[in-house]
PDB file of N, CA and C in Angstrom:
ATOM      1  N   MET A   1     -47.248 -40.997  -8.629  1.00  0.00           N
ATOM      2  CA  MET A   1     -48.561 -40.614  -8.190  1.00  0.00           C
ATOM      3  C   MET A   1     -48.538 -39.110  -7.946  1.00  0.00           C
ATOM      4  N   PRO A   2     -49.227 -38.334  -8.748  1.00  0.00           N
ATOM      5  CA  PRO A   2     -49.197 -36.899  -8.571  1.00  0.00           C
ATOM      6  C   PRO A   2     -49.891 -36.467  -7.293  1.00  0.00           C
ATOM      7  N   SER A   3     -49.427 -35.372  -6.755  1.00  0.00           N
ATOM      8  CA  SER A   3     -50.042 -34.840  -5.548  1.00  0.00           C
ATOM      9  C   SER A   3     -51.425 -34.303  -5.858  1.00  0.00           C
ATOM     10  N   SER A   4     -52.332 -34.534  -4.954  1.00  0.00           N
ATOM     11  CA  SER A   4     -53.686 -34.012  -5.102  1.00  0.00           C
ATOM     12  C   SER A   4     -53.691 -32.550  -4.704  1.00  0.00           C
ATOM     13  N   SER A   5     -54.446 -31.732  -5.425  1.00  0.00           N
ATOM     14  CA  SER A   5     -54.492 -30.314  -5.085  1.00  0.00           C
ATOM     15  C   SER A   5     -55.518 -30.026  -3.997  1.00  0.00           C
ATOM     16  N   SER A   6     -56.449 -30.948  -3.750  1.00  0.00           N
ATOM     17  CA  SER A   6     -57.436 -30.715  -2.703  1.00  0.00           C
ATOM     18  C   SER A   6     -56.853 -31.108  -1.356  1.00  0.00           C
ATOM     19  N   PRO A   7     -57.102 -30.297  -0.336  1.00  0.00           N
ATOM     20  CA  PRO A   7     -56.524 -30.603   0.973  1.00  0.00           C
ATOM     21  C   PRO A   7     -57.168 -31.834   1.598  1.00  0.00           C
ATOM     22  N   THR A   8     -56.377 -32.610   2.327  1.00  0.00           N
ATOM     23  CA  THR A   8     -56.892 -33.736   3.109  1.00  0.00           C
ATOM     24  C   THR A   8     -56.476 -33.513   4.550  1.00  0.00           C
ATOM     25  N   GLU A   9     -56.744 -34.492   5.394  1.00  0.00           N
ATOM     26  CA  GLU A   9     -56.313 -34.378   6.779  1.00  0.00           C
ATOM     27  C   GLU A   9     -54.801 -34.188   6.821  1.00  0.00           C
ATOM     28  N   ASN A  10     -54.316 -33.758   7.944  1.00  0.00           N
ATOM     29  CA  ASN A  10     -52.884 -33.576   8.121  1.00  0.00           C
ATOM     30  C   ASN A  10     -52.177 -34.889   7.807  1.00  0.00           C
ATOM     31  N   TRP A  11     -51.314 -34.886   6.784  1.00  0.00           N
ATOM     32  CA  TRP A  11     -50.673 -36.132   6.343  1.00  0.00           C
ATOM     33  C   TRP A  11     -49.754 -36.715   7.406  1.00  0.00           C
ATOM     34  N   ARG A  12     -49.256 -35.897   8.289  1.00  0.00           N
ATOM     35  CA  ARG A  12     -48.374 -36.423   9.338  1.00  0.00           C
ATOM     36  C   ARG A  12     -49.125 -37.322  10.316  1.00  0.00           C
ATOM     37  N   SER A  13     -50.434 -37.174  10.382  1.00  0.00           N
ATOM     38  CA  SER A  13     -51.207 -38.004  11.307  1.00  0.00           C
ATOM     39  C   SER A  13     -51.171 -39.475  10.916  1.00  0.00           C
ATOM     40  N   VAL A  14     -50.940 -39.771   9.640  1.00  0.00           N
ATOM     41  CA  VAL A  14     -50.885 -41.175   9.219  1.00  0.00           C
ATOM     42  C   VAL A  14     -49.530 -41.808   9.533  1.00  0.00           C
ATOM     43  N   LEU A  15     -48.586 -41.019  10.031  1.00  0.00           N
ATOM     44  CA  LEU A  15     -47.242 -41.536  10.321  1.00  0.00           C
ATOM     45  C   LEU A  15     -47.054 -42.005  11.756  1.00  0.00           C
ATOM     46  N   LYS A  16     -48.085 -41.932  12.571  1.00  0.00           N
ATOM     47  CA  LYS A  16     -47.899 -42.205  13.996  1.00  0.00           C
ATOM     48  C   LYS A  16     -47.397 -43.609  14.298  1.00  0.00           C
ATOM     49  N   PHE A  17     -47.530 -44.539  13.350  1.00  0.00           N
ATOM     50  CA  PHE A  17     -47.042 -45.894  13.611  1.00  0.00           C
ATOM     51  C   PHE A  17     -45.677 -46.163  12.982  1.00  0.00           C
ATOM     52  N   ILE A  18     -45.137 -45.239  12.193  1.00  0.00           N
ATOM     53  CA  ILE A  18     -43.766 -45.373  11.674  1.00  0.00           C
ATOM     54  C   ILE A  18     -42.890 -44.609  12.659  1.00  0.00           C
ATOM     55  N   THR A  19     -42.436 -45.310  13.672  1.00  0.00           N
ATOM     56  CA  THR A  19     -41.824 -44.632  14.816  1.00  0.00           C
ATOM     57  C   THR A  19     -40.304 -44.671  14.866  1.00  0.00           C
ATOM     58  N   GLN A  20     -39.700 -45.663  14.195  1.00  0.00           N
ATOM     59  CA  GLN A  20     -38.247 -45.778  14.315  1.00  0.00           C
ATOM     60  C   GLN A  20     -37.617 -46.296  13.039  1.00  0.00           C
ATOM     61  N   CYS A  21     -36.338 -46.011  12.904  1.00  0.00           N
ATOM     62  CA  CYS A  21     -35.552 -46.450  11.753  1.00  0.00           C
ATOM     63  C   CYS A  21     -35.471 -47.974  11.741  1.00  0.00           C
ATOM     64  N   PRO A  22     -35.759 -48.622  10.602  1.00  0.00           N
ATOM     65  CA  PRO A  22     -35.674 -50.080  10.548  1.00  0.00           C
ATOM     66  C   PRO A  22     -34.236 -50.604  10.551  1.00  0.00           C
ATOM     67  N   ILE A  23     -33.263 -49.732  10.352  1.00  0.00           N
ATOM     68  CA  ILE A  23     -31.854 -50.151  10.345  1.00  0.00           C
ATOM     69  C   ILE A  23     -31.250 -50.090  11.750  1.00  0.00           C
ATOM     70  N   CYS A  24     -31.360 -48.933  12.388  1.00  0.00           N
ATOM     71  CA  CYS A  24     -30.666 -48.751  13.675  1.00  0.00           C
ATOM     72  C   CYS A  24     -31.615 -48.554  14.862  1.00  0.00           C
ATOM     73  N   SER A  25     -32.905 -48.562  14.619  1.00  0.00           N
ATOM     74  CA  SER A  25     -33.942 -48.426  15.659  1.00  0.00           C
ATOM     75  C   SER A  25     -33.977 -47.067  16.342  1.00  0.00           C
ATOM     76  N   THR A  26     -33.310 -46.070  15.781  1.00  0.00           N
ATOM     77  CA  THR A  26     -33.380 -44.720  16.331  1.00  0.00           C
ATOM     78  C   THR A  26     -34.779 -44.159  16.078  1.00  0.00           C
ATOM     79  N   PRO A  27     -35.398 -43.565  17.084  1.00  0.00           N
ATOM     80  CA  PRO A  27     -36.729 -42.984  16.865  1.00  0.00           C
ATOM     81  C   PRO A  27     -36.684 -41.871  15.809  1.00  0.00           C
ATOM     82  N   TYR A  28     -37.669 -41.885  14.913  1.00  0.00           N
ATOM     83  CA  TYR A  28     -37.787 -40.812  13.930  1.00  0.00           C
ATOM     84  C   TYR A  28     -38.339 -39.571  14.608  1.00  0.00           C
ATOM     85  N   ARG A  29     -37.883 -38.422  14.164  1.00  0.00           N
ATOM     86  CA  ARG A  29     -38.465 -37.149  14.586  1.00  0.00           C
ATOM     87  C   ARG A  29     -39.398 -36.687  13.472  1.00  0.00           C
ATOM     88  N   PRO A  30     -40.479 -35.989  13.803  1.00  0.00           N
ATOM     89  CA  PRO A  30     -41.458 -35.574  12.788  1.00  0.00           C
ATOM     90  C   PRO A  30     -40.848 -34.802  11.614  1.00  0.00           C
ATOM     91  N   GLU A  31     -39.827 -34.005  11.876  1.00  0.00           N
ATOM     92  CA  GLU A  31     -39.228 -33.221  10.791  1.00  0.00           C
ATOM     93  C   GLU A  31     -38.431 -34.082   9.802  1.00  0.00           C
ATOM     94  N   GLN A  32     -38.222 -35.358  10.120  1.00  0.00           N
ATOM     95  CA  GLN A  32     -37.511 -36.256   9.214  1.00  0.00           C
ATOM     96  C   GLN A  32     -38.427 -36.834   8.140  1.00  0.00           C
ATOM     97  N   ALA A  33     -39.707 -36.592   8.243  1.00  0.00           N
ATOM     98  CA  ALA A  33     -40.675 -37.104   7.265  1.00  0.00           C
ATOM     99  C   ALA A  33     -40.994 -36.019   6.249  1.00  0.00           C
ATOM    100  N   GLN A  34     -40.990 -36.413   4.986  1.00  0.00           N
ATOM    101  CA  GLN A  34     -41.354 -35.495   3.915  1.00  0.00           C
ATOM    102  C   GLN A  34     -42.411 -36.172   3.053  1.00  0.00           C
ATOM    103  N   LEU A  35     -43.472 -35.442   2.761  1.00  0.00           N
ATOM    104  CA  LEU A  35     -44.524 -35.948   1.892  1.00  0.00           C
ATOM    105  C   LEU A  35     -44.057 -35.836   0.451  1.00  0.00           C
ATOM    106  N   PHE A  36     -43.979 -36.964  -0.238  1.00  0.00           N
ATOM    107  CA  PHE A  36     -43.565 -36.947  -1.639  1.00  0.00           C
ATOM    108  C   PHE A  36     -44.770 -36.793  -2.561  1.00  0.00           C
ATOM    109  N   ALA A  37     -45.840 -37.555  -2.292  1.00  0.00           N
ATOM    110  CA  ALA A  37     -47.024 -37.490  -3.148  1.00  0.00           C
ATOM    111  C   ALA A  37     -48.254 -37.857  -2.335  1.00  0.00           C
ATOM    112  N   ARG A  38     -49.387 -37.354  -2.794  1.00  0.00           N
ATOM    113  CA  ARG A  38     -50.639 -37.642  -2.115  1.00  0.00           C
ATOM    114  C   ARG A  38     -51.730 -37.727  -3.175  1.00  0.00           C
ATOM    115  N   GLN A  39     -52.582 -38.697  -3.007  1.00  0.00           N
ATOM    116  CA  GLN A  39     -53.733 -38.837  -3.892  1.00  0.00           C
ATOM    117  C   GLN A  39     -54.883 -39.390  -3.068  1.00  0.00           C
ATOM    118  N   LYS A  40     -55.863 -38.566  -2.821  1.00  0.00           N
ATOM    119  CA  LYS A  40     -57.006 -38.900  -1.975  1.00  0.00           C
ATOM    120  C   LYS A  40     -56.526 -39.412  -0.632  1.00  0.00           C
ATOM    121  N   ARG A  41     -56.616 -40.709  -0.378  1.00  0.00           N
ATOM    122  CA  ARG A  41     -56.251 -41.259   0.934  1.00  0.00           C
ATOM    123  C   ARG A  41     -54.936 -42.024   0.918  1.00  0.00           C
ATOM    124  N   ALA A  42     -54.150 -41.887  -0.129  1.00  0.00           N
ATOM    125  CA  ALA A  42     -52.848 -42.560  -0.205  1.00  0.00           C
ATOM    126  C   ALA A  42     -51.737 -41.518  -0.160  1.00  0.00           C
ATOM    127  N   HIS A  43     -50.703 -41.806   0.606  1.00  0.00           N
ATOM    128  CA  HIS A  43     -49.581 -40.896   0.777  1.00  0.00           C
ATOM    129  C   HIS A  43     -48.281 -41.661   0.554  1.00  0.00           C
ATOM    130  N   ILE A  44     -47.367 -41.076  -0.196  1.00  0.00           N
ATOM    131  CA  ILE A  44     -46.011 -41.621  -0.289  1.00  0.00           C
ATOM    132  C   ILE A  44     -45.132 -40.695   0.545  1.00  0.00           C
ATOM    133  N   VAL A  45     -44.487 -41.287   1.540  1.00  0.00           N
ATOM    134  CA  VAL A  45     -43.725 -40.527   2.517  1.00  0.00           C
ATOM    135  C   VAL A  45     -42.277 -40.990   2.499  1.00  0.00           C
ATOM    136  N   HIS A  46     -41.366 -40.038   2.572  1.00  0.00           N
ATOM    137  CA  HIS A  46     -39.931 -40.318   2.613  1.00  0.00           C
ATOM    138  C   HIS A  46     -39.422 -39.949   3.998  1.00  0.00           C
ATOM    139  N   MET A  47     -38.707 -40.875   4.628  1.00  0.00           N
ATOM    140  CA  MET A  47     -38.127 -40.647   5.946  1.00  0.00           C
ATOM    141  C   MET A  47     -36.606 -40.775   5.832  1.00  0.00           C
ATOM    142  N   SER A  48     -35.898 -39.962   6.594  1.00  0.00           N
ATOM    143  CA  SER A  48     -34.441 -40.102   6.652  1.00  0.00           C
ATOM    144  C   SER A  48     -34.030 -40.205   8.111  1.00  0.00           C
ATOM    145  N   CYS A  49     -33.050 -41.039   8.362  1.00  0.00           N
ATOM    146  CA  CYS A  49     -32.591 -41.264   9.731  1.00  0.00           C
ATOM    147  C   CYS A  49     -31.375 -40.380  10.017  1.00  0.00           C
ATOM    148  N   ALA A  50     -31.478 -39.584  11.070  1.00  0.00           N
ATOM    149  CA  ALA A  50     -30.379 -38.704  11.455  1.00  0.00           C
ATOM    150  C   ALA A  50     -29.189 -39.482  12.007  1.00  0.00           C
ATOM    151  N   GLN A  51     -29.435 -40.671  12.527  1.00  0.00           N
ATOM    152  CA  GLN A  51     -28.368 -41.465  13.146  1.00  0.00           C
ATOM    153  C   GLN A  51     -27.529 -42.213  12.110  1.00  0.00           C
ATOM    154  N   CYS A  52     -28.180 -43.015  11.239  1.00  0.00           N
ATOM    155  CA  CYS A  52     -27.420 -43.870  10.311  1.00  0.00           C
ATOM    156  C   CYS A  52     -27.511 -43.408   8.855  1.00  0.00           C
ATOM    157  N   SER A  53     -28.235 -42.329   8.613  1.00  0.00           N
ATOM    158  CA  SER A  53     -28.381 -41.734   7.275  1.00  0.00           C
ATOM    159  C   SER A  53     -29.068 -42.649   6.263  1.00  0.00           C
ATOM    160  N   SER A  54     -29.843 -43.616   6.731  1.00  0.00           N
ATOM    161  CA  SER A  54     -30.595 -44.468   5.803  1.00  0.00           C
ATOM    162  C   SER A  54     -31.901 -43.772   5.440  1.00  0.00           C
ATOM    163  N   TYR A  55     -32.526 -44.267   4.367  1.00  0.00           N
ATOM    164  CA  TYR A  55     -33.794 -43.714   3.905  1.00  0.00           C
ATOM    165  C   TYR A  55     -34.857 -44.801   3.935  1.00  0.00           C
ATOM    166  N   PHE A  56     -36.089 -44.382   4.144  1.00  0.00           N
ATOM    167  CA  PHE A  56     -37.226 -45.285   4.175  1.00  0.00           C
ATOM    168  C   PHE A  56     -38.354 -44.616   3.407  1.00  0.00           C
ATOM    169  N   VAL A  57     -38.939 -45.348   2.458  1.00  0.00           N
ATOM    170  CA  VAL A  57     -40.050 -44.829   1.668  1.00  0.00           C
ATOM    171  C   VAL A  57     -41.263 -45.698   1.957  1.00  0.00           C
ATOM    172  N   ALA A  58     -42.373 -45.051   2.294  1.00  0.00           N
ATOM    173  CA  ALA A  58     -43.578 -45.795   2.657  1.00  0.00           C
ATOM    174  C   ALA A  58     -44.784 -45.289   1.872  1.00  0.00           C
ATOM    175  N   LEU A  59     -45.632 -46.231   1.498  1.00  0.00           N
ATOM    176  CA  LEU A  59     -46.949 -45.922   0.962  1.00  0.00           C
ATOM    177  C   LEU A  59     -47.917 -46.151   2.111  1.00  0.00           C
ATOM    178  N   VAL A  60     -48.574 -45.096   2.545  1.00  0.00           N
ATOM    179  CA  VAL A  60     -49.498 -45.176   3.675  1.00  0.00           C
ATOM    180  C   VAL A  60     -50.891 -44.873   3.146  1.00  0.00           C
ATOM    181  N   MET A  61     -51.819 -45.810   3.388  1.00  0.00           N
ATOM    182  CA  MET A  61     -53.178 -45.655   2.878  1.00  0.00           C
ATOM    183  C   MET A  61     -54.171 -45.637   4.032  1.00  0.00           C
ATOM    184  N   GLU A  62     -55.066 -44.669   3.987  1.00  0.00           N
ATOM    185  CA  GLU A  62     -56.153 -44.605   4.953  1.00  0.00           C
ATOM    186  C   GLU A  62     -57.294 -45.428   4.373  1.00  0.00           C
ATOM    187  N   MET A  63     -57.720 -46.459   5.114  1.00  0.00           N
ATOM    188  CA  MET A  63     -58.731 -47.387   4.610  1.00  0.00           C
ATOM    189  C   MET A  63     -59.830 -47.558   5.643  1.00  0.00           C
ATOM    190  N   GLY A  64     -60.996 -47.005   5.375  1.00  0.00           N
ATOM    191  CA  GLY A  64     -62.117 -47.180   6.287  1.00  0.00           C
ATOM    192  C   GLY A  64     -61.774 -46.759   7.695  1.00  0.00           C
ATOM    193  N   GLN A  65     -61.767 -47.717   8.599  1.00  0.00           N
ATOM    194  CA  GLN A  65     -61.488 -47.442  10.005  1.00  0.00           C
ATOM    195  C   GLN A  65     -60.020 -47.626  10.378  1.00  0.00           C
ATOM    196  N   GLY A  66     -59.152 -47.891   9.388  1.00  0.00           N
ATOM    197  CA  GLY A  66     -57.762 -48.166   9.729  1.00  0.00           C
ATOM    198  C   GLY A  66     -56.790 -47.588   8.733  1.00  0.00           C
ATOM    199  N   ILE A  67     -55.536 -47.931   8.946  1.00  0.00           N
ATOM    200  CA  ILE A  67     -54.442 -47.478   8.100  1.00  0.00           C
ATOM    201  C   ILE A  67     -53.636 -48.699   7.684  1.00  0.00           C
ATOM    202  N   SER A  68     -53.244 -48.727   6.415  1.00  0.00           N
ATOM    203  CA  SER A  68     -52.400 -49.796   5.899  1.00  0.00           C
ATOM    204  C   SER A  68     -51.141 -49.159   5.340  1.00  0.00           C
ATOM    205  N   SER A  69     -50.025 -49.851   5.485  1.00  0.00           N
ATOM    206  CA  SER A  69     -48.764 -49.292   5.026  1.00  0.00           C
ATOM    207  C   SER A  69     -47.865 -50.384   4.476  1.00  0.00           C
ATOM    208  N   VAL A  70     -47.108 -50.028   3.482  1.00  0.00           N
ATOM    209  CA  VAL A  70     -46.030 -50.879   2.987  1.00  0.00           C
ATOM    210  C   VAL A  70     -44.847 -49.953   2.745  1.00  0.00           C
ATOM    211  N   GLY A  71     -43.679 -50.377   3.185  1.00  0.00           N
ATOM    212  CA  GLY A  71     -42.510 -49.523   3.057  1.00  0.00           C
ATOM    213  C   GLY A  71     -41.281 -50.312   2.686  1.00  0.00           C
ATOM    214  N   THR A  72     -40.259 -49.590   2.310  1.00  0.00           N
ATOM    215  CA  THR A  72     -39.006 -50.235   1.955  1.00  0.00           C
ATOM    216  C   THR A  72     -37.827 -49.353   2.342  1.00  0.00           C
ATOM    217  N   ILE A  73     -36.758 -49.987   2.750  1.00  0.00           N
ATOM    218  CA  ILE A  73     -35.502 -49.289   2.970  1.00  0.00           C
ATOM    219  C   ILE A  73     -34.964 -48.959   1.584  1.00  0.00           C
ATOM    220  N   SER A  74     -34.418 -47.780   1.431  1.00  0.00           N
ATOM    221  CA  SER A  74     -34.004 -47.326   0.111  1.00  0.00           C
ATOM    222  C   SER A  74     -32.681 -46.578   0.180  1.00  0.00           C
ATOM    223  N   ASP A  75     -32.044 -46.458  -0.955  1.00  0.00           N
ATOM    224  CA  ASP A  75     -30.877 -45.599  -1.040  1.00  0.00           C
ATOM    225  C   ASP A  75     -31.230 -44.300  -1.765  1.00  0.00           C
ATOM    226  N   LEU A  76     -32.523 -44.071  -2.005  1.00  0.00           N
ATOM    227  CA  LEU A  76     -32.972 -42.873  -2.705  1.00  0.00           C
ATOM    228  C   LEU A  76     -33.251 -41.737  -1.726  1.00  0.00           C
ATOM    229  N   SER A  77     -32.596 -40.615  -1.954  1.00  0.00           N
ATOM    230  CA  SER A  77     -32.899 -39.425  -1.164  1.00  0.00           C
ATOM    231  C   SER A  77     -34.230 -38.850  -1.654  1.00  0.00           C
ATOM    232  N   PHE A  78     -34.743 -37.869  -0.944  1.00  0.00           N
ATOM    233  CA  PHE A  78     -35.983 -37.221  -1.359  1.00  0.00           C
ATOM    234  C   PHE A  78     -35.804 -36.589  -2.738  1.00  0.00           C
ATOM    235  N   ALA A  79     -34.644 -35.970  -2.978  1.00  0.00           N
ATOM    236  CA  ALA A  79     -34.359 -35.360  -4.287  1.00  0.00           C
ATOM    237  C   ALA A  79     -34.316 -36.421  -5.391  1.00  0.00           C
ATOM    238  N   ASP A  80     -33.767 -37.599  -5.081  1.00  0.00           N
ATOM    239  CA  ASP A  80     -33.725 -38.686  -6.065  1.00  0.00           C
ATOM    240  C   ASP A  80     -35.133 -39.106  -6.480  1.00  0.00           C
ATOM    241  N   LEU A  81     -36.052 -39.174  -5.513  1.00  0.00           N
ATOM    242  CA  LEU A  81     -37.429 -39.543  -5.836  1.00  0.00           C
ATOM    243  C   LEU A  81     -38.014 -38.579  -6.858  1.00  0.00           C
ATOM    244  N   GLY A  82     -37.808 -37.297  -6.634  1.00  0.00           N
ATOM    245  CA  GLY A  82     -38.320 -36.291  -7.561  1.00  0.00           C
ATOM    246  C   GLY A  82     -37.685 -36.402  -8.934  1.00  0.00           C
ATOM    247  N   ARG A  83     -36.388 -36.670  -8.953  1.00  0.00           N
ATOM    248  CA  ARG A  83     -35.669 -36.781 -10.228  1.00  0.00           C
ATOM    249  C   ARG A  83     -36.131 -37.999 -11.020  1.00  0.00           C
ATOM    250  N   LEU A  84     -36.444 -39.091 -10.337  1.00  0.00           N
ATOM    251  CA  LEU A  84     -36.822 -40.330 -11.012  1.00  0.00           C
ATOM    252  C   LEU A  84     -38.318 -40.462 -11.276  1.00  0.00           C
ATOM    253  N   GLU A  85     -39.110 -39.564 -10.730  1.00  0.00           N
ATOM    254  CA  GLU A  85     -40.566 -39.687 -10.835  1.00  0.00           C
ATOM    255  C   GLU A  85     -41.051 -39.816 -12.277  1.00  0.00           C
ATOM    256  N   GLY A  86     -40.531 -39.044 -13.189  1.00  0.00           N
ATOM    257  CA  GLY A  86     -40.995 -39.089 -14.572  1.00  0.00           C
ATOM    258  C   GLY A  86     -40.179 -39.990 -15.479  1.00  0.00           C
ATOM    259  N   ALA A  87     -39.212 -40.695 -14.914  1.00  0.00           N
ATOM    260  CA  ALA A  87     -38.339 -41.545 -15.730  1.00  0.00           C
ATOM    261  C   ALA A  87     -39.119 -42.733 -16.295  1.00  0.00           C
ATOM    262  N   PRO A  88     -38.734 -43.191 -17.481  1.00  0.00           N
ATOM    263  CA  PRO A  88     -39.429 -44.355 -18.052  1.00  0.00           C
ATOM    264  C   PRO A  88     -39.164 -45.617 -17.228  1.00  0.00           C
ATOM    265  N   SER A  89     -40.110 -46.511 -17.233  1.00  0.00           N
ATOM    266  CA  SER A  89     -39.977 -47.786 -16.521  1.00  0.00           C
ATOM    267  C   SER A  89     -38.954 -48.669 -17.215  1.00  0.00           C
ATOM    268  N   LEU A  90     -38.355 -49.564 -16.434  1.00  0.00           N
ATOM    269  CA  LEU A  90     -37.453 -50.544 -17.017  1.00  0.00           C
ATOM    270  C   LEU A  90     -38.254 -51.518 -17.869  1.00  0.00           C
ATOM    271  N   THR A  91     -37.665 -51.927 -18.974  1.00  0.00           N
ATOM    272  CA  THR A  91     -38.296 -52.936 -19.816  1.00  0.00           C
ATOM    273  C   THR A  91     -37.628 -54.278 -19.556  1.00  0.00           C
ATOM    274  N   ILE A  92     -38.213 -55.332 -20.046  1.00  0.00           N
ATOM    275  CA  ILE A  92     -37.602 -56.659 -19.908  1.00  0.00           C
ATOM    276  C   ILE A  92     -36.260 -56.690 -20.644  1.00  0.00           C
ATOM    277  N   ASP A  93     -36.157 -55.953 -21.750  1.00  0.00           N
ATOM    278  CA  ASP A  93     -34.885 -55.875 -22.475  1.00  0.00           C
ATOM    279  C   ASP A  93     -33.800 -55.205 -21.630  1.00  0.00           C
ATOM    280  N   ASP A  94     -34.174 -54.179 -20.847  1.00  0.00           N
ATOM    281  CA  ASP A  94     -33.218 -53.530 -19.945  1.00  0.00           C
ATOM    282  C   ASP A  94     -32.690 -54.524 -18.911  1.00  0.00           C
ATOM    283  N   VAL A  95     -33.576 -55.322 -18.367  1.00  0.00           N
ATOM    284  CA  VAL A  95     -33.199 -56.299 -17.347  1.00  0.00           C
ATOM    285  C   VAL A  95     -32.284 -57.367 -17.944  1.00  0.00           C
ATOM    286  N   ILE A  96     -32.613 -57.849 -19.139  1.00  0.00           N
ATOM    287  CA  ILE A  96     -31.776 -58.863 -19.803  1.00  0.00           C
ATOM    288  C   ILE A  96     -30.400 -58.287 -20.114  1.00  0.00           C
ATOM    289  N   ALA A  97     -30.344 -57.043 -20.596  1.00  0.00           N
ATOM    290  CA  ALA A  97     -29.063 -56.411 -20.906  1.00  0.00           C
ATOM    291  C   ALA A  97     -28.213 -56.267 -19.641  1.00  0.00           C
ATOM    292  N   ALA A  98     -28.836 -55.856 -18.528  1.00  0.00           N
ATOM    293  CA  ALA A  98     -28.100 -55.727 -17.267  1.00  0.00           C
ATOM    294  C   ALA A  98     -27.589 -57.091 -16.811  1.00  0.00           C
ATOM    295  N   HIS A  99     -28.395 -58.119 -16.945  1.00  0.00           N
ATOM    296  CA  HIS A  99     -27.982 -59.478 -16.581  1.00  0.00           C
ATOM    297  C   HIS A  99     -26.775 -59.903 -17.411  1.00  0.00           C
ATOM    298  N   ASP A 100     -26.819 -59.640 -18.705  1.00  0.00           N
ATOM    299  CA  ASP A 100     -25.711 -60.019 -19.584  1.00  0.00           C
ATOM    300  C   ASP A 100     -24.424 -59.294 -19.204  1.00  0.00           C
ATOM    301  N   ILE A 101     -24.528 -58.030 -18.830  1.00  0.00           N
ATOM    302  CA  ILE A 101     -23.343 -57.258 -18.426  1.00  0.00           C
ATOM    303  C   ILE A 101     -22.755 -57.830 -17.143  1.00  0.00           C
ATOM    304  N   ILE A 102     -23.602 -58.101 -16.162  1.00  0.00           N
ATOM    305  CA  ILE A 102     -23.129 -58.615 -14.870  1.00  0.00           C
ATOM    306  C   ILE A 102     -22.575 -60.024 -15.008  1.00  0.00           C
ATOM    307  N   LYS A 103     -23.160 -60.815 -15.895  1.00  0.00           N
ATOM    308  CA  LYS A 103     -22.734 -62.201 -16.102  1.00  0.00           C
ATOM    309  C   LYS A 103     -21.344 -62.285 -16.740  1.00  0.00           C
ATOM    310  N   ASN A 104     -20.933 -61.243 -17.432  1.00  0.00           N
ATOM    311  CA  ASN A 104     -19.633 -61.210 -18.094  1.00  0.00           C
ATOM    312  C   ASN A 104     -18.521 -61.345 -17.056  1.00  0.00           C
ATOM    313  N   ILE A 105     -17.588 -62.230 -17.305  1.00  0.00           N
ATOM    314  CA  ILE A 105     -16.496 -62.517 -16.373  1.00  0.00           C
ATOM    315  C   ILE A 105     -15.651 -61.285 -16.071  1.00  0.00           C
ATOM    316  N   ASP A 106     -15.582 -60.328 -16.998  1.00  0.00           N
ATOM    317  CA  ASP A 106     -14.777 -59.125 -16.816  1.00  0.00           C
ATOM    318  C   ASP A 106     -15.502 -58.037 -16.024  1.00  0.00           C
ATOM    319  N   PHE A 107     -16.732 -58.252 -15.654  1.00  0.00           N
ATOM    320  CA  PHE A 107     -17.529 -57.228 -14.988  1.00  0.00           C
ATOM    321  C   PHE A 107     -16.878 -56.720 -13.712  1.00  0.00           C
ATOM    322  N   LEU A 108     -16.315 -57.594 -12.921  1.00  0.00           N
ATOM    323  CA  LEU A 108     -15.745 -57.192 -11.637  1.00  0.00           C
ATOM    324  C   LEU A 108     -14.243 -56.909 -11.667  1.00  0.00           C
ATOM    325  N   LYS A 109     -13.632 -57.097 -12.808  1.00  0.00           N
ATOM    326  CA  LYS A 109     -12.191 -56.821 -12.897  1.00  0.00           C
ATOM    327  C   LYS A 109     -11.929 -55.334 -12.940  1.00  0.00           C
ATOM    328  N   LEU A 110     -10.956 -54.899 -12.158  1.00  0.00           N
ATOM    329  CA  LEU A 110     -10.560 -53.506 -12.157  1.00  0.00           C
ATOM    330  C   LEU A 110      -9.512 -53.280 -13.226  1.00  0.00           C
ATOM    331  N   ASN A 111      -9.614 -52.176 -13.925  1.00  0.00           N
ATOM    332  CA  ASN A 111      -8.633 -51.854 -14.975  1.00  0.00           C
ATOM    333  C   ASN A 111      -7.530 -51.013 -14.431  1.00  0.00           C
TER     334      ASN A 111
END
């Protein structure tokens, strides 16, 4: 989702309910949030935890009189998000190929 060039309200204001790390419950500090993308009233925000070094990516949407959010714990750093933004999507063939590789009995053997 490309960033919108027109200014909107302060994007940090939509983060007031993402208060703590979902892994270790350490309170987030405002400087731990980075805006990855914005489009009208939708924001993709990346959070990093100073305590356990986990990452959290959230889609926060301003809707009428309220805010809706969906987020996920991730292993992607903010730089990883930028690097993967333009990458092609996985195809069903990619998924089948990965399944076949993992299913192989030699997959977990160390050489």
